[in-house]
């Protein structure tokens, strides 16, 4: 494994997350020892990624500048939300530097103050080029300019929802890297997210071949 992107620390580094997952809700409680992380801008300059995938809604002037540099260097910027409690006005400058933003329904509603998920997506699409909203058992929707699509989630036996959002994101990015259209990207994302909940953690996440088979109806 190429370790050039890792940050080395002196001594043990405690990083523990307890997942509290039930039938109607899920929560995570985390503890992490303090650690100095390289600024995002330095990481972008050093590694020049083809895709910069941020699993959490990071904001601030430094983040906006780093994302702008990443895009100028040709990177596609994909950002999840991860329940960061902010309003759209506080993160507008950062989201303007994001190519794809993928909150869940609750996060989209809270960010925008909209009354429906569809309206929230439209508000976000005024800032971000592509908006993808995860709707759990109801599937997902995507909006890019005037192009809109919504897909249901297949009925599955849910074992554990931990990691489903990350698997969803991976499926969407995989479609983008392959040059797929918006609907196919969304279908891959739904396929990956839905499959992942059928096992503990992300152990049931599909391979590329399995995801493609699910999308094709095989």
C-alpha atoms as a PDB file:
ATOM      1  CA  UNK A   1       0.000   0.000   0.000  1.00  0.00           C
ATOM      2  CA  UNK A   2       1.247   3.451  -0.913  1.00  0.00           C
ATOM      3  CA  UNK A   3       1.670   5.278   2.392  1.00  0.00           C
ATOM      4  CA  UNK A   4       2.644   8.642   0.925  1.00  0.00           C
ATOM      5  CA  UNK A   5      -0.749  10.089   1.802  1.00  0.00           C
ATOM      6  CA  UNK A   6      -0.656   8.989   5.432  1.00  0.00           C
ATOM      7  CA  UNK A   7       0.153  11.218   8.402  1.00  0.00           C
ATOM      8  CA  UNK A   8       2.600   9.699  10.892  1.00  0.00           C
ATOM      9  CA  UNK A   9       2.186  10.398  14.608  1.00  0.00           C
ATOM     10  CA  UNK A  10       4.542   9.624  17.476  1.00  0.00           C
ATOM     11  CA  UNK A  11       3.025   7.006  19.752  1.00  0.00           C
ATOM     12  CA  UNK A  12      -0.411   5.381  19.885  1.00  0.00           C
ATOM     13  CA  UNK A  13      -3.354   7.362  18.490  1.00  0.00           C
ATOM     14  CA  UNK A  14      -6.719   6.572  20.019  1.00  0.00           C
ATOM     15  CA  UNK A  15      -9.601   6.929  17.587  1.00  0.00           C
ATOM     16  CA  UNK A  16     -12.749   5.151  18.750  1.00  0.00           C
ATOM     17  CA  UNK A  17     -16.314   5.297  17.457  1.00  0.00           C
ATOM     18  CA  UNK A  18     -19.268   3.514  19.025  1.00  0.00           C
ATOM     19  CA  UNK A  19     -22.221   2.970  16.690  1.00  0.00           C
ATOM     20  CA  UNK A  20     -25.679   2.982  18.276  1.00  0.00           C
ATOM     21  CA  UNK A  21     -27.891   1.489  15.593  1.00  0.00           C
ATOM     22  CA  UNK A  22     -31.549   0.641  16.138  1.00  0.00           C
ATOM     23  CA  UNK A  23     -34.643   0.029  14.069  1.00  0.00           C
ATOM     24  CA  UNK A  24     -35.645   3.679  13.845  1.00  0.00           C
ATOM     25  CA  UNK A  25     -32.460   5.653  14.334  1.00  0.00           C
ATOM     26  CA  UNK A  26     -28.686   5.552  14.376  1.00  0.00           C
ATOM     27  CA  UNK A  27     -26.105   7.578  16.229  1.00  0.00           C
ATOM     28  CA  UNK A  28     -22.341   7.572  16.512  1.00  0.00           C
ATOM     29  CA  UNK A  29     -20.264   8.649  19.506  1.00  0.00           C
ATOM     30  CA  UNK A  30     -16.603   9.277  18.760  1.00  0.00           C
ATOM     31  CA  UNK A  31     -13.436  10.100  20.650  1.00  0.00           C
ATOM     32  CA  UNK A  32     -10.147  11.014  19.031  1.00  0.00           C
ATOM     33  CA  UNK A  33      -6.839  12.041  20.534  1.00  0.00           C
ATOM     34  CA  UNK A  34      -5.731  15.493  19.363  1.00  0.00           C
ATOM     35  CA  UNK A  35      -3.575  15.358  16.253  1.00  0.00           C
ATOM     36  CA  UNK A  36      -2.090  17.931  13.919  1.00  0.00           C
ATOM     37  CA  UNK A  37      -3.365  17.403  10.396  1.00  0.00           C
ATOM     38  CA  UNK A  38      -1.801  18.926   7.280  1.00  0.00           C
ATOM     39  CA  UNK A  39      -3.944  21.735   5.847  1.00  0.00           C
ATOM     40  CA  UNK A  40      -6.265  20.597   3.066  1.00  0.00           C
ATOM     41  CA  UNK A  41      -4.539  22.917   0.615  1.00  0.00           C
ATOM     42  CA  UNK A  42      -1.176  21.239   1.239  1.00  0.00           C
ATOM     43  CA  UNK A  43      -2.659  17.787   0.690  1.00  0.00           C
ATOM     44  CA  UNK A  44      -4.262  18.863  -2.576  1.00  0.00           C
ATOM     45  CA  UNK A  45      -1.021  20.417  -3.826  1.00  0.00           C
ATOM     46  CA  UNK A  46       1.031  17.365  -2.881  1.00  0.00           C
ATOM     47  CA  UNK A  47      -1.230  14.651  -4.284  1.00  0.00           C
ATOM     48  CA  UNK A  48      -3.190  16.391  -7.068  1.00  0.00           C
ATOM     49  CA  UNK A  49      -6.139  13.987  -6.827  1.00  0.00           C
ATOM     50  CA  UNK A  50      -8.411  13.148  -9.724  1.00  0.00           C
ATOM     51  CA  UNK A  51     -11.297  13.119  -7.255  1.00  0.00           C
ATOM     52  CA  UNK A  52     -11.344  14.921  -3.927  1.00  0.00           C
ATOM     53  CA  UNK A  53     -14.003  13.214  -1.804  1.00  0.00           C
ATOM     54  CA  UNK A  54     -14.793  14.934   1.479  1.00  0.00           C
ATOM     55  CA  UNK A  55     -16.931  12.727   3.762  1.00  0.00           C
ATOM     56  CA  UNK A  56     -18.014  15.687   5.897  1.00  0.00           C
ATOM     57  CA  UNK A  57     -19.185  19.239   5.204  1.00  0.00           C
ATOM     58  CA  UNK A  58     -16.064  21.260   5.876  1.00  0.00           C
ATOM     59  CA  UNK A  59     -16.286  25.031   5.662  1.00  0.00           C
ATOM     60  CA  UNK A  60     -14.299  28.207   6.093  1.00  0.00           C
ATOM     61  CA  UNK A  61     -12.264  30.444   3.825  1.00  0.00           C
ATOM     62  CA  UNK A  62      -9.268  28.094   3.837  1.00  0.00           C
ATOM     63  CA  UNK A  63     -11.410  25.177   2.712  1.00  0.00           C
ATOM     64  CA  UNK A  64     -12.982  27.217  -0.085  1.00  0.00           C
ATOM     65  CA  UNK A  65      -9.537  28.230  -1.362  1.00  0.00           C
ATOM     66  CA  UNK A  66      -8.255  24.651  -1.215  1.00  0.00           C
ATOM     67  CA  UNK A  67     -11.254  23.325  -3.121  1.00  0.00           C
ATOM     68  CA  UNK A  68     -10.891  26.071  -5.697  1.00  0.00           C
ATOM     69  CA  UNK A  69      -7.255  25.063  -6.252  1.00  0.00           C
ATOM     70  CA  UNK A  70      -8.247  21.404  -6.514  1.00  0.00           C
ATOM     71  CA  UNK A  71     -10.790  22.169  -9.216  1.00  0.00           C
ATOM     72  CA  UNK A  72      -8.340  24.438 -11.043  1.00  0.00           C
ATOM     73  CA  UNK A  73      -5.942  21.470 -11.116  1.00  0.00           C
ATOM     74  CA  UNK A  74      -8.616  19.305 -12.712  1.00  0.00           C
ATOM     75  CA  UNK A  75     -10.008  17.474  -9.673  1.00  0.00           C
ATOM     76  CA  UNK A  76     -13.667  16.659  -9.259  1.00  0.00           C
ATOM     77  CA  UNK A  77     -14.818  17.711  -5.786  1.00  0.00           C
ATOM     78  CA  UNK A  78     -17.454  15.524  -4.114  1.00  0.00           C
ATOM     79  CA  UNK A  79     -18.721  16.442  -0.643  1.00  0.00           C
ATOM     80  CA  UNK A  80     -20.996  14.595   1.791  1.00  0.00           C
ATOM     81  CA  UNK A  81     -22.597  16.347   4.765  1.00  0.00           C
ATOM     82  CA  UNK A  82     -22.424  14.067   7.847  1.00  0.00           C
ATOM     83  CA  UNK A  83     -24.910  15.992   9.956  1.00  0.00           C
ATOM     84  CA  UNK A  84     -22.876  19.195  10.295  1.00  0.00           C
ATOM     85  CA  UNK A  85     -25.321  21.665  11.920  1.00  0.00           C
ATOM     86  CA  UNK A  86     -24.929  24.789   9.773  1.00  0.00           C
ATOM     87  CA  UNK A  87     -27.179  26.919   7.599  1.00  0.00           C
ATOM     88  CA  UNK A  88     -26.616  27.409   3.886  1.00  0.00           C
ATOM     89  CA  UNK A  89     -25.456  30.983   4.288  1.00  0.00           C
ATOM     90  CA  UNK A  90     -22.464  29.862   6.363  1.00  0.00           C
ATOM     91  CA  UNK A  91     -21.228  27.369   3.767  1.00  0.00           C
ATOM     92  CA  UNK A  92     -22.282  28.944   0.480  1.00  0.00           C
ATOM     93  CA  UNK A  93     -18.724  29.953  -0.479  1.00  0.00           C
ATOM     94  CA  UNK A  94     -17.461  26.410   0.075  1.00  0.00           C
ATOM     95  CA  UNK A  95     -20.346  24.739  -1.745  1.00  0.00           C
ATOM     96  CA  UNK A  96     -19.719  27.014  -4.710  1.00  0.00           C
ATOM     97  CA  UNK A  97     -16.405  25.143  -5.103  1.00  0.00           C
ATOM     98  CA  UNK A  98     -18.058  21.697  -4.956  1.00  0.00           C
ATOM     99  CA  UNK A  99     -19.025  19.720  -8.064  1.00  0.00           C
ATOM    100  CA  UNK A 100     -21.299  17.199  -6.335  1.00  0.00           C
ATOM    101  CA  UNK A 101     -22.938  17.658  -2.937  1.00  0.00           C
ATOM    102  CA  UNK A 102     -24.676  14.647  -1.368  1.00  0.00           C
ATOM    103  CA  UNK A 103     -26.577  15.324   1.880  1.00  0.00           C
ATOM    104  CA  UNK A 104     -29.351  13.104   3.149  1.00  0.00           C
ATOM    105  CA  UNK A 105     -32.937  14.364   3.193  1.00  0.00           C
ATOM    106  CA  UNK A 106     -32.853  15.647   6.762  1.00  0.00           C
ATOM    107  CA  UNK A 107     -29.555  17.465   6.207  1.00  0.00           C
ATOM    108  CA  UNK A 108     -30.813  19.069   2.978  1.00  0.00           C
ATOM    109  CA  UNK A 109     -33.955  20.327   4.693  1.00  0.00           C
ATOM    110  CA  UNK A 110     -32.038  21.737   7.648  1.00  0.00           C
ATOM    111  CA  UNK A 111     -29.421  23.432   5.455  1.00  0.00           C
ATOM    112  CA  UNK A 112     -31.948  25.187   3.267  1.00  0.00           C
ATOM    113  CA  UNK A 113     -35.005  25.606   5.483  1.00  0.00           C
ATOM    114  CA  UNK A 114     -37.114  24.242   2.613  1.00  0.00           C
ATOM    115  CA  UNK A 115     -40.353  22.392   3.283  1.00  0.00           C
ATOM    116  CA  UNK A 116     -39.764  19.498   0.864  1.00  0.00           C
ATOM    117  CA  UNK A 117     -36.725  17.538  -0.221  1.00  0.00           C
ATOM    118  CA  UNK A 118     -37.318  18.496  -3.843  1.00  0.00           C
ATOM    119  CA  UNK A 119     -37.369  22.198  -2.953  1.00  0.00           C
ATOM    120  CA  UNK A 120     -34.234  21.769  -0.850  1.00  0.00           C
ATOM    121  CA  UNK A 121     -32.465  20.179  -3.825  1.00  0.00           C
ATOM    122  CA  UNK A 122     -33.475  23.099  -6.037  1.00  0.00           C
ATOM    123  CA  UNK A 123     -32.123  25.619  -3.523  1.00  0.00           C
ATOM    124  CA  UNK A 124     -28.829  23.750  -3.255  1.00  0.00           C
ATOM    125  CA  UNK A 125     -28.597  23.410  -7.048  1.00  0.00           C
ATOM    126  CA  UNK A 126     -28.409  27.196  -7.270  1.00  0.00           C
ATOM    127  CA  UNK A 127     -25.002  26.883  -5.589  1.00  0.00           C
ATOM    128  CA  UNK A 128     -23.693  23.416  -6.505  1.00  0.00           C
ATOM    129  CA  UNK A 129     -23.518  21.961 -10.004  1.00  0.00           C
ATOM    130  CA  UNK A 130     -24.932  18.558  -9.030  1.00  0.00           C
ATOM    131  CA  UNK A 131     -27.029  17.843  -5.944  1.00  0.00           C
ATOM    132  CA  UNK A 132     -27.731  14.287  -4.793  1.00  0.00           C
ATOM    133  CA  UNK A 133     -30.079  13.681  -1.871  1.00  0.00           C
ATOM    134  CA  UNK A 134     -30.173  10.329  -0.074  1.00  0.00           C
ATOM    135  CA  UNK A 135     -33.625   9.305   1.101  1.00  0.00           C
ATOM    136  CA  UNK A 136     -32.921   6.022   2.877  1.00  0.00           C
ATOM    137  CA  UNK A 137     -35.561   3.408   2.135  1.00  0.00           C
ATOM    138  CA  UNK A 138     -37.186   5.840  -0.309  1.00  0.00           C
ATOM    139  CA  UNK A 139     -34.148   5.840  -2.595  1.00  0.00           C
ATOM    140  CA  UNK A 140     -32.493   9.038  -3.792  1.00  0.00           C
ATOM    141  CA  UNK A 141     -32.829  11.952  -6.168  1.00  0.00           C
ATOM    142  CA  UNK A 142     -30.352  13.962  -8.204  1.00  0.00           C
ATOM    143  CA  UNK A 143     -30.519  17.385  -9.817  1.00  0.00           C
ATOM    144  CA  UNK A 144     -28.078  18.887 -12.309  1.00  0.00           C
ATOM    145  CA  UNK A 145     -29.212  22.042 -14.042  1.00  0.00           C
ATOM    146  CA  UNK A 146     -32.613  21.202 -15.532  1.00  0.00           C
ATOM    147  CA  UNK A 147     -31.935  17.466 -15.396  1.00  0.00           C
ATOM    148  CA  UNK A 148     -33.769  15.711 -12.562  1.00  0.00           C
ATOM    149  CA  UNK A 149     -34.100  12.049 -11.704  1.00  0.00           C
ATOM    150  CA  UNK A 150     -35.362  10.086  -8.710  1.00  0.00           C
ATOM    151  CA  UNK A 151     -34.972   6.379  -8.077  1.00  0.00           C
ATOM    152  CA  UNK A 152     -36.540   4.107  -5.458  1.00  0.00           C
ATOM    153  CA  UNK A 153     -34.461   1.829  -3.263  1.00  0.00           C
ATOM    154  CA  UNK A 154     -34.946  -1.926  -3.666  1.00  0.00           C
ATOM    155  CA  UNK A 155     -36.615  -3.769  -0.808  1.00  0.00           C
ATOM    156  CA  UNK A 156     -33.882  -5.437   1.261  1.00  0.00           C
ATOM    157  CA  UNK A 157     -33.501  -7.001   4.686  1.00  0.00           C
ATOM    158  CA  UNK A 158     -31.668  -4.353   6.703  1.00  0.00           C
ATOM    159  CA  UNK A 159     -28.952  -5.664   9.020  1.00  0.00           C
ATOM    160  CA  UNK A 160     -26.872  -2.538   9.686  1.00  0.00           C
ATOM    161  CA  UNK A 161     -27.021   0.927   8.122  1.00  0.00           C
ATOM    162  CA  UNK A 162     -23.486   1.863   9.190  1.00  0.00           C
ATOM    163  CA  UNK A 163     -21.444   2.880   6.153  1.00  0.00           C
ATOM    164  CA  UNK A 164     -24.412   2.960   3.762  1.00  0.00           C
ATOM    165  CA  UNK A 165     -23.883   6.623   2.936  1.00  0.00           C
ATOM    166  CA  UNK A 166     -20.200   6.081   2.186  1.00  0.00           C
ATOM    167  CA  UNK A 167     -21.029   3.146  -0.090  1.00  0.00           C
ATOM    168  CA  UNK A 168     -23.673   5.282  -1.818  1.00  0.00           C
ATOM    169  CA  UNK A 169     -21.068   7.994  -2.430  1.00  0.00           C
ATOM    170  CA  UNK A 170     -18.588   5.454  -3.805  1.00  0.00           C
ATOM    171  CA  UNK A 171     -21.158   4.171  -6.282  1.00  0.00           C
ATOM    172  CA  UNK A 172     -21.941   7.669  -7.543  1.00  0.00           C
ATOM    173  CA  UNK A 173     -18.265   8.588  -7.920  1.00  0.00           C
ATOM    174  CA  UNK A 174     -17.595   5.299  -9.714  1.00  0.00           C
ATOM    175  CA  UNK A 175     -20.257   6.234 -12.231  1.00  0.00           C
ATOM    176  CA  UNK A 176     -18.794   9.713 -12.713  1.00  0.00           C
ATOM    177  CA  UNK A 177     -15.307   8.337 -13.311  1.00  0.00           C
ATOM    178  CA  UNK A 178     -16.708   5.982 -15.915  1.00  0.00           C
ATOM    179  CA  UNK A 179     -18.433   8.808 -17.778  1.00  0.00           C
ATOM    180  CA  UNK A 180     -21.950   7.614 -16.914  1.00  0.00           C
ATOM    181  CA  UNK A 181     -24.971   9.886 -17.196  1.00  0.00           C
ATOM    182  CA  UNK A 182     -26.699  11.289 -14.125  1.00  0.00           C
ATOM    183  CA  UNK A 183     -29.357   8.568 -13.916  1.00  0.00           C
ATOM    184  CA  UNK A 184     -26.801   5.766 -14.149  1.00  0.00           C
ATOM    185  CA  UNK A 185     -24.613   7.407 -11.496  1.00  0.00           C
ATOM    186  CA  UNK A 186     -27.636   7.609  -9.205  1.00  0.00           C
ATOM    187  CA  UNK A 187     -28.581   3.996  -9.929  1.00  0.00           C
ATOM    188  CA  UNK A 188     -25.076   2.818  -9.048  1.00  0.00           C
ATOM    189  CA  UNK A 189     -25.186   4.852  -5.843  1.00  0.00           C
ATOM    190  CA  UNK A 190     -28.554   3.405  -4.800  1.00  0.00           C
ATOM    191  CA  UNK A 191     -27.370  -0.116  -5.654  1.00  0.00           C
ATOM    192  CA  UNK A 192     -24.233   0.247  -3.518  1.00  0.00           C
ATOM    193  CA  UNK A 193     -26.003   1.900  -0.594  1.00  0.00           C
ATOM    194  CA  UNK A 194     -28.833  -0.628  -0.585  1.00  0.00           C
ATOM    195  CA  UNK A 195     -26.510  -3.614  -0.765  1.00  0.00           C
ATOM    196  CA  UNK A 196     -24.334  -2.344   2.064  1.00  0.00           C
ATOM    197  CA  UNK A 197     -27.157  -2.369   4.637  1.00  0.00           C
ATOM    198  CA  UNK A 198     -27.664  -6.119   4.213  1.00  0.00           C
ATOM    199  CA  UNK A 199     -24.460  -6.886   6.145  1.00  0.00           C
ATOM    200  CA  UNK A 200     -22.615  -5.623   9.189  1.00  0.00           C
ATOM    201  CA  UNK A 201     -20.758  -2.393   8.533  1.00  0.00           C
ATOM    202  CA  UNK A 202     -19.963  -2.236   4.834  1.00  0.00           C
ATOM    203  CA  UNK A 203     -19.155  -5.944   4.563  1.00  0.00           C
ATOM    204  CA  UNK A 204     -21.953  -6.450   2.015  1.00  0.00           C
ATOM    205  CA  UNK A 205     -20.882  -3.593  -0.258  1.00  0.00           C
ATOM    206  CA  UNK A 206     -20.934  -4.851  -3.857  1.00  0.00           C
ATOM    207  CA  UNK A 207     -17.988  -5.216  -6.186  1.00  0.00           C
ATOM    208  CA  UNK A 208     -17.981  -3.220  -9.412  1.00  0.00           C
ATOM    209  CA  UNK A 209     -19.347  -6.222 -11.287  1.00  0.00           C
ATOM    210  CA  UNK A 210     -22.082  -6.811  -8.714  1.00  0.00           C
ATOM    211  CA  UNK A 211     -23.111  -3.137  -8.739  1.00  0.00           C
ATOM    212  CA  UNK A 212     -23.301  -3.136 -12.534  1.00  0.00           C
ATOM    213  CA  UNK A 213     -25.405  -6.282 -12.431  1.00  0.00           C
ATOM    214  CA  UNK A 214     -27.819  -4.708  -9.956  1.00  0.00           C
ATOM    215  CA  UNK A 215     -28.182  -1.629 -12.137  1.00  0.00           C
ATOM    216  CA  UNK A 216     -28.799  -3.698 -15.260  1.00  0.00           C
ATOM    217  CA  UNK A 217     -31.421  -5.754 -13.435  1.00  0.00           C
ATOM    218  CA  UNK A 218     -29.431  -8.970 -13.557  1.00  0.00           C
END
